[in-house]
C-alpha cells in the first residue's frame, strides 16, 4: 500500500506474460481478443500492490472499461516465450460536453478515469508452423502490439443516478490526479471513414441478431467486454466472407472500441455494421444496439467499434 503522504504522478511498471493459446492466432500473431488478458491483469496487480484497490469493491466502486485502442504488428511470435509489457497508468478527471469536447471544470459531464498505455514485445518465431510456434532459445525481441485504454471509475451495480464517481476513493489517495484536456472518444469520431475507402456489399450481413446470457457476464454485474470484442471480430469475418474477400490471412491490425452502456442477461441485441475497402486495407464500423421488447432497435449503440485490417497477398 502506498503511503498517502507520498504522491505518485503515475504508475509505471513492467511485466512478463505467457503466450497462452488464446493469445496467438495460427500465424503466431497477437489476437485482438487477447489484449485484455495481456495488458490488464499485470497492471492492476501492480496497482493493487501500491493501493488497496480491492477495498473499493466493498463500497461498490470499480474501474470499468470505457474505451480501448489496440494495435498489433505482423510479427510472428514464439509460443512458450514470455511477452514483455511496459505500462503507464494515470488517474485523470475529465469535464466534457455531450460531444466529448472538453469544457470548464464544474460544467458538463464529469468523469474520474484511469488512462493507461501499454507496449507489448515478444520473441520472434524462427521456426514457423513445423514446430507449432515453440522456440527453445531466445530470439530477437520484437514489437508485437500496443494498447491505450480508458477505464471510468464507477458504481456498476448502483442505480443509474448513483453510478457516477467524482470524489477520488480513499484507496487511491496518493495517486496524483491529472486534468484531461483532449476530446473523449465518440461514436461519431469512430464512424469517420478514411478517404478512398468504399463500402463493400455484404448482401444483408450488415446486421446480426443475438441475446445475452449468464455465461456472457462477469462479477461487475453485466456482460464482459471480451464478449463485445469477440462478437465484433466475428462480425468483421462474416462481412468479409459475404463480401467475397479472402478471410484466410486477413489480419485485424487495429481495434478502437467505445463501451457506452452495459448489456445484461436476457437482453436481445442487434449488431449493425458496414464494411469498407481501399486496396488491401479494410475497415468495419458498427456496434451492438439494444433490441427493445417492442422489437425496435435503439437509435444509439451501446458498444461501438472501428476495426481496421489488411488482406493478405494483395
Protein backbone atom coordinates (compact mmCIF):
# COMPACT_ATOMS: atom_id res chain seq x y z
CA UNK A 1 0.00 0.00 0.00
CA UNK A 2 1.26 3.47 -0.82
CA UNK A 3 1.85 5.95 1.98
CA UNK A 4 -0.70 8.69 1.23
CA UNK A 5 1.92 11.32 2.14
CA UNK A 6 3.93 10.22 -0.91
CA UNK A 7 2.30 11.44 -4.11
CA UNK A 8 2.87 9.26 -7.18
CA UNK A 9 2.47 11.04 -10.53
CA UNK A 10 1.62 7.83 -12.41
CA UNK A 11 2.02 4.10 -12.09
CA UNK A 12 4.75 2.68 -14.30
CA UNK A 13 5.88 -0.91 -14.49
CA UNK A 14 6.92 -3.92 -16.50
CA UNK A 15 5.67 -7.49 -16.61
CA UNK A 16 6.23 -10.81 -18.32
CA UNK A 17 3.08 -12.50 -19.59
CA UNK A 18 2.84 -16.04 -21.04
CA UNK A 19 1.98 -16.60 -24.70
CA UNK A 20 -1.00 -18.83 -23.96
CA UNK A 21 -3.14 -20.49 -26.63
CA UNK A 22 -5.84 -17.82 -26.64
CA UNK A 23 -3.35 -15.02 -27.33
CA UNK A 24 -1.82 -16.08 -30.66
CA UNK A 25 -3.51 -16.96 -33.94
CA UNK A 26 -2.35 -19.73 -36.30
CA UNK A 27 0.17 -17.33 -37.86
CA UNK A 28 1.58 -16.71 -34.33
CA UNK A 29 0.47 -13.07 -34.25
CA UNK A 30 -1.29 -11.39 -31.33
CA UNK A 31 -5.06 -11.77 -31.44
CA UNK A 32 -7.05 -8.62 -30.71
CA UNK A 33 -9.21 -10.60 -28.26
CA UNK A 34 -6.05 -11.47 -26.33
CA UNK A 35 -5.11 -7.87 -25.46
CA UNK A 36 -7.33 -7.56 -22.38
CA UNK A 37 -5.69 -10.57 -20.71
CA UNK A 38 -2.22 -9.45 -21.72
CA UNK A 39 -2.45 -5.83 -20.61
CA UNK A 40 -4.89 -5.58 -17.70
CA UNK A 41 -4.02 -8.22 -15.04
CA UNK A 42 -0.32 -7.35 -14.53
CA UNK A 43 -1.03 -3.62 -14.48
CA UNK A 44 -3.87 -3.88 -11.98
CA UNK A 45 -1.89 -6.36 -9.86
CA UNK A 46 0.87 -3.75 -9.62
CA UNK A 47 -1.72 -1.08 -8.77
CA UNK A 48 -3.14 -3.33 -6.04
CA UNK A 49 0.32 -3.77 -4.52
CA UNK A 50 0.59 0.00 -4.06
CA UNK A 51 -3.04 0.92 -3.41
CA UNK A 52 -5.84 -1.12 -1.75
CA UNK A 53 -7.88 -1.32 -4.94
CA UNK A 54 -9.98 -4.33 -3.98
CA UNK A 55 -11.21 -2.40 -0.93
CA UNK A 56 -13.10 -0.13 -3.34
CA UNK A 57 -15.37 -3.06 -4.16
CA UNK A 58 -16.64 -3.13 -0.57
CA UNK A 59 -18.34 0.19 -1.31
CA UNK A 60 -19.40 -0.86 -4.82
CA UNK A 61 -16.76 1.07 -6.78
CA UNK A 62 -14.73 -0.40 -9.64
CA UNK A 63 -12.90 0.75 -12.79
CA UNK A 64 -14.95 -0.25 -15.84
CA UNK A 65 -13.66 -0.25 -19.42
CA UNK A 66 -14.79 2.78 -21.40
CA UNK A 67 -12.50 2.84 -24.46
CA UNK A 68 -9.70 0.75 -25.94
CA UNK A 69 -7.32 1.27 -28.84
CA UNK A 70 -5.50 -1.99 -29.58
CA UNK A 71 -2.91 -2.34 -32.35
CA UNK A 72 -0.87 -5.36 -33.32
CA UNK A 73 2.02 -5.98 -35.72
CA UNK A 74 2.55 -8.75 -38.31
CA UNK A 75 5.47 -10.17 -36.31
CA UNK A 76 5.14 -13.96 -35.69
CA UNK A 77 5.82 -14.69 -32.04
CA UNK A 78 7.29 -17.71 -30.30
CA UNK A 79 4.95 -19.84 -28.24
CA UNK A 80 6.42 -20.74 -24.84
CA UNK A 81 8.36 -17.49 -24.54
CA UNK A 82 7.07 -14.61 -22.44
CA UNK A 83 5.54 -11.43 -23.77
CA UNK A 84 7.15 -8.31 -22.28
CA UNK A 85 4.87 -5.41 -21.35
CA UNK A 86 5.78 -1.87 -20.29
CA UNK A 87 2.86 0.12 -18.90
CA UNK A 88 1.94 3.54 -17.54
CA UNK A 89 -1.32 4.39 -15.77
CA UNK A 90 -2.60 7.85 -14.78
CA UNK A 91 -5.60 9.00 -12.73
CA UNK A 92 -7.47 11.64 -14.74
CA UNK A 93 -10.54 13.85 -14.35
CA UNK A 94 -12.47 14.99 -17.40
CA UNK A 95 -15.26 17.50 -17.93
CA UNK A 96 -16.91 17.18 -21.33
CA UNK A 97 -20.00 18.20 -23.27
CA UNK A 98 -22.34 15.75 -25.00
CA UNK A 99 -19.95 15.60 -27.98
CA UNK A 100 -16.98 14.65 -25.80
CA UNK A 101 -15.31 18.05 -26.08
CA UNK A 102 -13.56 19.49 -23.00
CA UNK A 103 -15.47 22.12 -21.02
CA UNK A 104 -14.51 24.15 -17.92
CA UNK A 105 -14.42 22.37 -14.57
CA UNK A 106 -17.79 22.35 -12.87
CA UNK A 107 -19.70 22.06 -16.14
CA UNK A 108 -20.64 19.21 -18.46
CA UNK A 109 -20.26 15.54 -17.58
CA UNK A 110 -17.57 14.83 -15.00
CA UNK A 111 -15.64 11.54 -15.10
CA UNK A 112 -12.89 10.10 -12.94
CA UNK A 113 -10.80 7.79 -15.12
CA UNK A 114 -7.70 5.68 -15.44
CA UNK A 115 -5.75 6.20 -18.66
CA UNK A 116 -3.19 3.51 -19.43
CA UNK A 117 -0.74 2.83 -22.23
CA UNK A 118 0.99 -0.50 -22.77
CA UNK A 119 3.79 -1.54 -25.10
CA UNK A 120 3.94 -5.26 -25.92
CA UNK A 121 7.03 -7.07 -27.21
CA UNK A 122 7.64 -10.73 -27.88
CA UNK A 123 10.26 -13.19 -29.06
CA UNK A 124 10.34 -13.61 -32.84
CA UNK A 125 9.14 -17.00 -34.11
CA UNK A 126 12.00 -18.54 -36.12
CA UNK A 127 10.56 -21.98 -36.89
CA UNK A 128 7.11 -21.37 -38.33
CA UNK A 129 4.34 -23.96 -38.33
CA UNK A 130 6.57 -27.02 -38.33
CA UNK A 131 7.26 -26.74 -34.60
CA UNK A 132 3.85 -25.19 -33.77
CA UNK A 133 5.49 -21.97 -32.70
CA UNK A 134 7.70 -23.31 -29.95
CA UNK A 135 11.23 -21.93 -29.55
CA UNK A 136 13.85 -23.46 -27.27
CA UNK A 137 16.23 -20.48 -27.34
CA UNK A 138 15.72 -16.77 -27.01
CA UNK A 139 15.33 -14.97 -30.32
CA UNK A 140 15.05 -11.31 -31.20
CA UNK A 141 12.66 -9.28 -29.04
CA UNK A 142 10.29 -7.50 -31.45
CA UNK A 143 7.34 -5.12 -31.27
CA UNK A 144 4.11 -7.11 -31.04
CA UNK A 145 1.46 -4.51 -30.24
CA UNK A 146 0.30 -1.55 -28.18
CA UNK A 147 -2.75 -0.57 -26.18
CA UNK A 148 -4.30 2.65 -24.98
CA UNK A 149 -7.17 2.16 -22.54
CA UNK A 150 -9.62 4.32 -20.58
CA UNK A 151 -11.40 2.96 -17.51
CA UNK A 152 -14.14 5.03 -15.86
CA UNK A 153 -14.31 4.69 -12.09
CA UNK A 154 -17.96 3.99 -11.33
CA UNK A 155 -20.51 2.12 -9.24
CA UNK A 156 -21.52 -0.51 -11.83
CA UNK A 157 -24.25 -2.08 -9.69
CA UNK A 158 -25.73 1.19 -8.41
CA UNK A 159 -28.87 2.93 -9.67
CA UNK A 160 -28.18 5.00 -12.81
CA UNK A 161 -28.27 8.28 -10.92
CA UNK A 162 -25.70 7.00 -8.39
CA UNK A 163 -23.16 5.31 -10.70
CA UNK A 164 -21.07 8.39 -11.29
CA UNK A 165 -18.00 8.70 -9.03
CA UNK A 166 -16.44 12.16 -8.83
CA UNK A 167 -14.69 12.01 -5.44
CA UNK A 168 -11.36 10.20 -5.52
CA UNK A 169 -11.81 6.99 -3.49
CA UNK A 170 -9.74 6.81 -0.33
CA UNK A 171 -7.91 3.79 -1.75
CA UNK A 172 -6.41 5.99 -4.48
CA UNK A 173 -5.18 8.79 -2.23
CA UNK A 174 -1.55 9.29 -3.12
CA UNK A 175 -2.03 8.85 -6.87
CA UNK A 176 -1.82 12.27 -8.48
CA UNK A 177 -4.85 13.48 -10.39
CA UNK A 178 -4.37 14.85 -13.93
CA UNK A 179 -6.72 17.13 -15.84
CA UNK A 180 -7.99 15.51 -19.05
CA UNK A 181 -7.61 18.08 -21.82
CA UNK A 182 -8.43 16.22 -25.06
CA UNK A 183 -11.77 15.22 -26.60
CA UNK A 184 -13.20 11.94 -25.39
CA UNK A 185 -13.89 9.18 -27.95
CA UNK A 186 -17.34 9.34 -29.51
CA UNK A 187 -19.40 7.19 -31.87
CA UNK A 188 -19.30 9.99 -34.44
CA UNK A 189 -15.50 10.22 -34.37
CA UNK A 190 -15.07 6.45 -34.65
CA UNK A 191 -17.53 6.31 -37.56
CA UNK A 192 -15.44 8.63 -39.75
CA UNK A 193 -14.27 6.73 -42.85
CA UNK A 194 -10.81 7.50 -44.29
CA UNK A 195 -10.67 8.95 -47.78
CA UNK A 196 -10.54 6.32 -50.51
CA UNK A 197 -12.43 3.63 -48.61
CA UNK A 198 -15.54 2.38 -50.43
CA UNK A 199 -18.43 0.34 -48.96
CA UNK A 200 -18.47 -3.39 -49.66
CA UNK A 201 -21.78 -5.09 -50.49
CA UNK A 202 -22.19 -7.94 -48.00
CA UNK A 203 -25.69 -8.99 -49.01
CA UNK A 204 -27.52 -8.37 -45.76
CA UNK A 205 -24.76 -9.34 -43.32
CA UNK A 206 -24.73 -5.74 -42.15
CA UNK A 207 -27.00 -6.95 -39.34
CA UNK A 208 -26.80 -9.85 -36.93
CA UNK A 209 -29.10 -10.69 -34.00
CA UNK A 210 -28.48 -12.41 -30.69
CA UNK A 211 -29.31 -12.41 -26.98
CA UNK A 212 -27.04 -12.31 -23.91
CA UNK A 213 -26.99 -14.99 -21.21
CA UNK A 214 -25.31 -15.58 -17.86
CA UNK A 215 -22.22 -17.20 -19.48
CA UNK A 216 -21.51 -13.80 -21.08
CA UNK A 217 -21.33 -11.94 -17.73
CA UNK A 218 -18.70 -11.20 -15.08
CA UNK A 219 -18.52 -10.00 -11.46
CA UNK A 220 -19.05 -6.38 -12.49
CA UNK A 221 -22.70 -7.40 -12.89
CA UNK A 222 -23.01 -7.10 -16.66
CA UNK A 223 -21.77 -8.59 -19.93
CA UNK A 224 -17.98 -8.94 -20.04
CA UNK A 225 -16.10 -6.73 -22.53
CA UNK A 226 -14.46 -9.73 -24.19
CA UNK A 227 -17.89 -10.76 -25.44
CA UNK A 228 -18.20 -7.48 -27.33
CA UNK A 229 -14.67 -7.72 -28.73
CA UNK A 230 -15.14 -11.29 -29.93
CA UNK A 231 -18.62 -10.55 -31.26
CA UNK A 232 -17.41 -7.66 -33.40
CA UNK A 233 -14.33 -9.57 -34.59
CA UNK A 234 -16.71 -12.32 -35.71
CA UNK A 235 -18.96 -9.79 -37.42
CA UNK A 236 -15.91 -8.49 -39.32
CA UNK A 237 -15.24 -12.04 -40.55
CA UNK A 238 -18.88 -12.59 -41.54
CA UNK A 239 -18.85 -9.44 -43.65
CA UNK A 240 -15.52 -10.26 -45.29
CA UNK A 241 -16.86 -13.66 -46.30
CA UNK A 242 -20.19 -12.29 -47.51
CA UNK A 243 -18.37 -9.60 -49.49
CA UNK A 244 -16.26 -12.16 -51.37
CA UNK A 245 -12.99 -11.13 -49.71
CA UNK A 246 -10.34 -13.61 -48.59
CA UNK A 247 -10.98 -14.41 -44.94
CA UNK A 248 -7.90 -16.63 -44.61
CA UNK A 249 -4.90 -14.44 -43.98
CA UNK A 250 -6.92 -11.30 -43.24
CA UNK A 251 -5.46 -9.64 -40.16
CA UNK A 252 -7.19 -7.15 -37.89
CA UNK A 253 -4.50 -4.53 -37.33
CA UNK A 254 -6.32 -2.11 -35.05
CA UNK A 255 -9.47 -2.08 -32.92
CA UNK A 256 -10.91 1.04 -31.32
CA UNK A 257 -13.94 0.32 -29.16
CA UNK A 258 -16.21 2.57 -27.12
CA UNK A 259 -18.25 0.97 -24.33
CA UNK A 260 -21.14 3.38 -23.73
CA UNK A 261 -23.69 1.26 -21.85
CA UNK A 262 -23.52 -2.27 -20.45
CA UNK A 263 -25.74 -5.16 -21.51
CA UNK A 264 -27.37 -7.60 -19.09
CA UNK A 265 -28.59 -11.22 -19.33
CA UNK A 266 -31.81 -11.79 -21.30
CA UNK A 267 -31.32 -8.60 -23.32
CA UNK A 268 -31.52 -9.17 -27.09
CA UNK A 269 -29.26 -7.15 -29.35
CA UNK A 270 -28.60 -6.33 -32.99
CA UNK A 271 -25.15 -5.80 -34.49
CA UNK A 272 -25.23 -3.17 -37.20
CA UNK A 273 -22.06 -2.62 -39.19
CA UNK A 274 -20.63 -1.60 -42.56
CA UNK A 275 -17.52 -2.98 -44.24
CA UNK A 276 -15.22 -0.76 -46.33
CA UNK A 277 -12.22 -1.44 -48.52
CA UNK A 278 -9.38 0.55 -50.07
CA UNK A 279 -6.97 -1.76 -51.92
CA UNK A 280 -5.70 -4.32 -49.39
CA UNK A 281 -6.92 -2.20 -46.47
CA UNK A 282 -10.26 -2.97 -44.88
CA UNK A 283 -12.34 -1.26 -42.20
CA UNK A 284 -15.51 -2.13 -40.35
CA UNK A 285 -17.51 0.33 -38.30
CA UNK A 286 -20.51 -0.73 -36.25
CA UNK A 287 -21.71 -1.88 -32.90
CA UNK A 288 -24.17 -3.56 -30.58
CA UNK A 289 -27.64 -1.99 -30.36
CA UNK A 290 -30.24 -2.89 -27.74
CA UNK A 291 -33.32 -4.58 -29.16
CA UNK A 292 -36.35 -3.48 -27.15
CA UNK A 293 -39.32 -5.54 -26.05
CA UNK A 294 -41.33 -3.76 -28.74
CA UNK A 295 -38.95 -5.03 -31.42
CA UNK A 296 -37.46 -1.60 -32.05
CA UNK A 297 -33.70 -1.15 -32.28
CA UNK A 298 -32.17 1.58 -30.10
CA UNK A 299 -31.10 4.68 -32.01
CA UNK A 300 -27.70 4.84 -30.32
CA UNK A 301 -25.28 1.90 -29.98
CA UNK A 302 -24.35 0.60 -26.55
CA UNK A 303 -20.95 -0.53 -27.84
CA UNK A 304 -19.29 0.82 -30.98
CA UNK A 305 -16.12 -0.01 -32.87
CA UNK A 306 -13.87 0.99 -35.73
CA UNK A 307 -11.78 -2.04 -36.70
CA UNK A 308 -9.08 -1.92 -39.34
CA UNK A 309 -7.47 -4.79 -41.20
CA UNK A 310 -5.39 -5.84 -44.18
CA UNK A 311 -5.90 -8.57 -46.75
CA UNK A 312 -3.00 -10.98 -47.25
CA UNK A 313 -1.37 -11.14 -50.67
CA UNK A 314 -2.98 -8.03 -52.12
